Amino acid sequence: MEAIARQRIVTARYNGGEMRLAPHLMFERRGELFVSALNLNKNWRSLEEMRLGHFKLSGLNMTELTDDSFDPLPSYEPAVPQEEDLIVLAVQ
């Protein structure tokens, strides 16, 4: 939550891989928490191709807040991925 509020990058392990994430949104789906974040380790072909992935919070391990900040994606809208999801916290 601090990473979203302060727009700070997080490092974490997810499905066995190390990731650097720029979290934009936390939401609840069926009682589970998820985070919508830009995977900074992914090789994007262009800025226009960059998009948020959705990660189950319980699947993120060894998370660490870094001092590195991020700017939200230009295309970012603080909206949940599915109608029934509920926003917990979002980058403004």
Protein backbone atom coordinates (compact mmCIF):
# COMPACT_ATOMS: atom_id res chain seq x y z
CA MET A 1 0.00 0.00 0.00
CA GLU A 2 2.89 2.33 0.77
CA ALA A 3 4.36 1.69 -2.68
CA ILE A 4 1.12 2.81 -4.33
CA ALA A 5 0.65 5.83 -2.06
CA ARG A 6 4.27 7.00 -2.52
CA GLN A 7 4.70 5.74 -6.12
CA ARG A 8 7.70 3.60 -5.23
CA ILE A 9 9.02 0.54 -7.04
CA VAL A 10 8.78 -2.83 -5.29
CA THR A 11 10.98 -5.87 -5.78
CA ALA A 12 9.36 -9.26 -5.31
CA ARG A 13 9.48 -12.92 -6.26
CA TYR A 14 6.46 -14.17 -8.22
CA ASN A 15 6.12 -17.68 -9.64
CA GLY A 16 9.81 -18.26 -8.91
CA GLY A 17 11.08 -15.16 -10.75
CA GLU A 18 12.48 -11.87 -9.48
CA MET A 19 10.44 -8.83 -10.51
CA ARG A 20 10.58 -5.05 -10.25
CA LEU A 21 7.04 -3.74 -10.11
CA ALA A 22 5.53 -0.25 -10.35
CA PRO A 23 2.21 -0.79 -8.52
CA HIS A 24 -0.61 1.44 -9.73
CA LEU A 25 -3.72 -0.13 -8.14
CA MET A 26 -4.74 -2.55 -5.39
CA PHE A 27 -8.13 -4.20 -5.69
CA GLU A 28 -10.23 -6.94 -4.13
CA ARG A 29 -11.72 -9.79 -6.12
CA ARG A 30 -13.83 -12.44 -4.40
CA GLY A 31 -12.19 -11.70 -1.04
CA GLU A 32 -8.63 -11.86 -2.42
CA LEU A 33 -6.28 -8.88 -2.84
CA PHE A 34 -4.58 -8.18 -6.17
CA VAL A 35 -2.21 -5.49 -7.38
CA SER A 36 -2.13 -4.02 -10.88
CA ALA A 37 1.47 -3.19 -11.63
CA LEU A 38 3.86 -2.54 -14.48
CA ASN A 39 6.50 -5.27 -14.68
CA LEU A 40 9.68 -3.27 -15.20
CA ASN A 41 11.70 -6.44 -15.94
CA LYS A 42 9.65 -7.22 -19.03
CA ASN A 43 11.09 -6.23 -22.39
CA TRP A 44 8.48 -3.96 -23.95
CA ARG A 45 8.87 -3.19 -27.66
CA SER A 46 7.45 0.31 -27.28
CA LEU A 47 6.03 2.66 -24.68
CA GLU A 48 2.59 2.21 -26.23
CA GLU A 49 2.76 -1.55 -25.62
CA MET A 50 3.39 -1.17 -21.86
CA ARG A 51 0.44 -2.27 -19.75
CA LEU A 52 -0.36 -3.31 -16.22
CA GLY A 53 -0.38 -6.94 -15.16
CA HIS A 54 -2.55 -8.21 -12.31
CA PHE A 55 -0.80 -10.11 -9.53
CA LYS A 56 -2.40 -11.93 -6.63
CA LEU A 57 -0.93 -10.32 -3.53
CA SER A 58 -0.52 -13.64 -1.73
CA GLY A 59 1.65 -14.84 -4.64
CA LEU A 60 4.19 -12.03 -4.20
CA ASN A 61 7.02 -13.14 -1.91
CA MET A 62 10.06 -11.42 -0.43
CA THR A 63 8.64 -8.00 -1.30
CA GLU A 64 10.80 -4.97 -0.63
CA LEU A 65 9.95 -1.32 -1.06
CA THR A 66 12.73 0.55 -2.87
CA ASP A 67 13.60 4.25 -2.84
CA ASP A 68 13.11 4.33 -6.63
CA SER A 69 10.02 6.22 -7.74
CA PHE A 70 7.92 5.79 -10.88
CA ASP A 71 5.54 7.87 -12.95
CA PRO A 72 2.18 6.27 -13.71
CA LEU A 73 1.70 5.02 -17.26
CA PRO A 74 0.26 7.79 -19.47
CA SER A 75 -2.64 5.49 -20.38
CA TYR A 76 -3.39 4.63 -16.72
CA GLU A 77 -6.94 5.08 -15.49
CA PRO A 78 -7.74 4.23 -11.84
CA ALA A 79 -10.31 1.57 -12.68
CA VAL A 80 -10.66 -2.08 -11.71
CA PRO A 81 -10.16 -4.78 -14.37
CA GLN A 82 -13.58 -6.39 -13.85
CA GLU A 83 -16.93 -4.89 -12.86
CA GLU A 84 -17.24 -6.88 -9.63
CA ASP A 85 -13.74 -5.90 -8.39
CA LEU A 86 -13.42 -3.25 -5.68
CA ILE A 87 -10.68 -0.59 -5.55
CA VAL A 88 -8.69 -0.62 -2.31
CA LEU A 89 -6.06 1.98 -3.24
CA ALA A 90 -4.96 3.63 -6.47
CA VAL A 91 -2.29 6.01 -7.72
CA GLN A 92 -3.94 9.36 -8.30
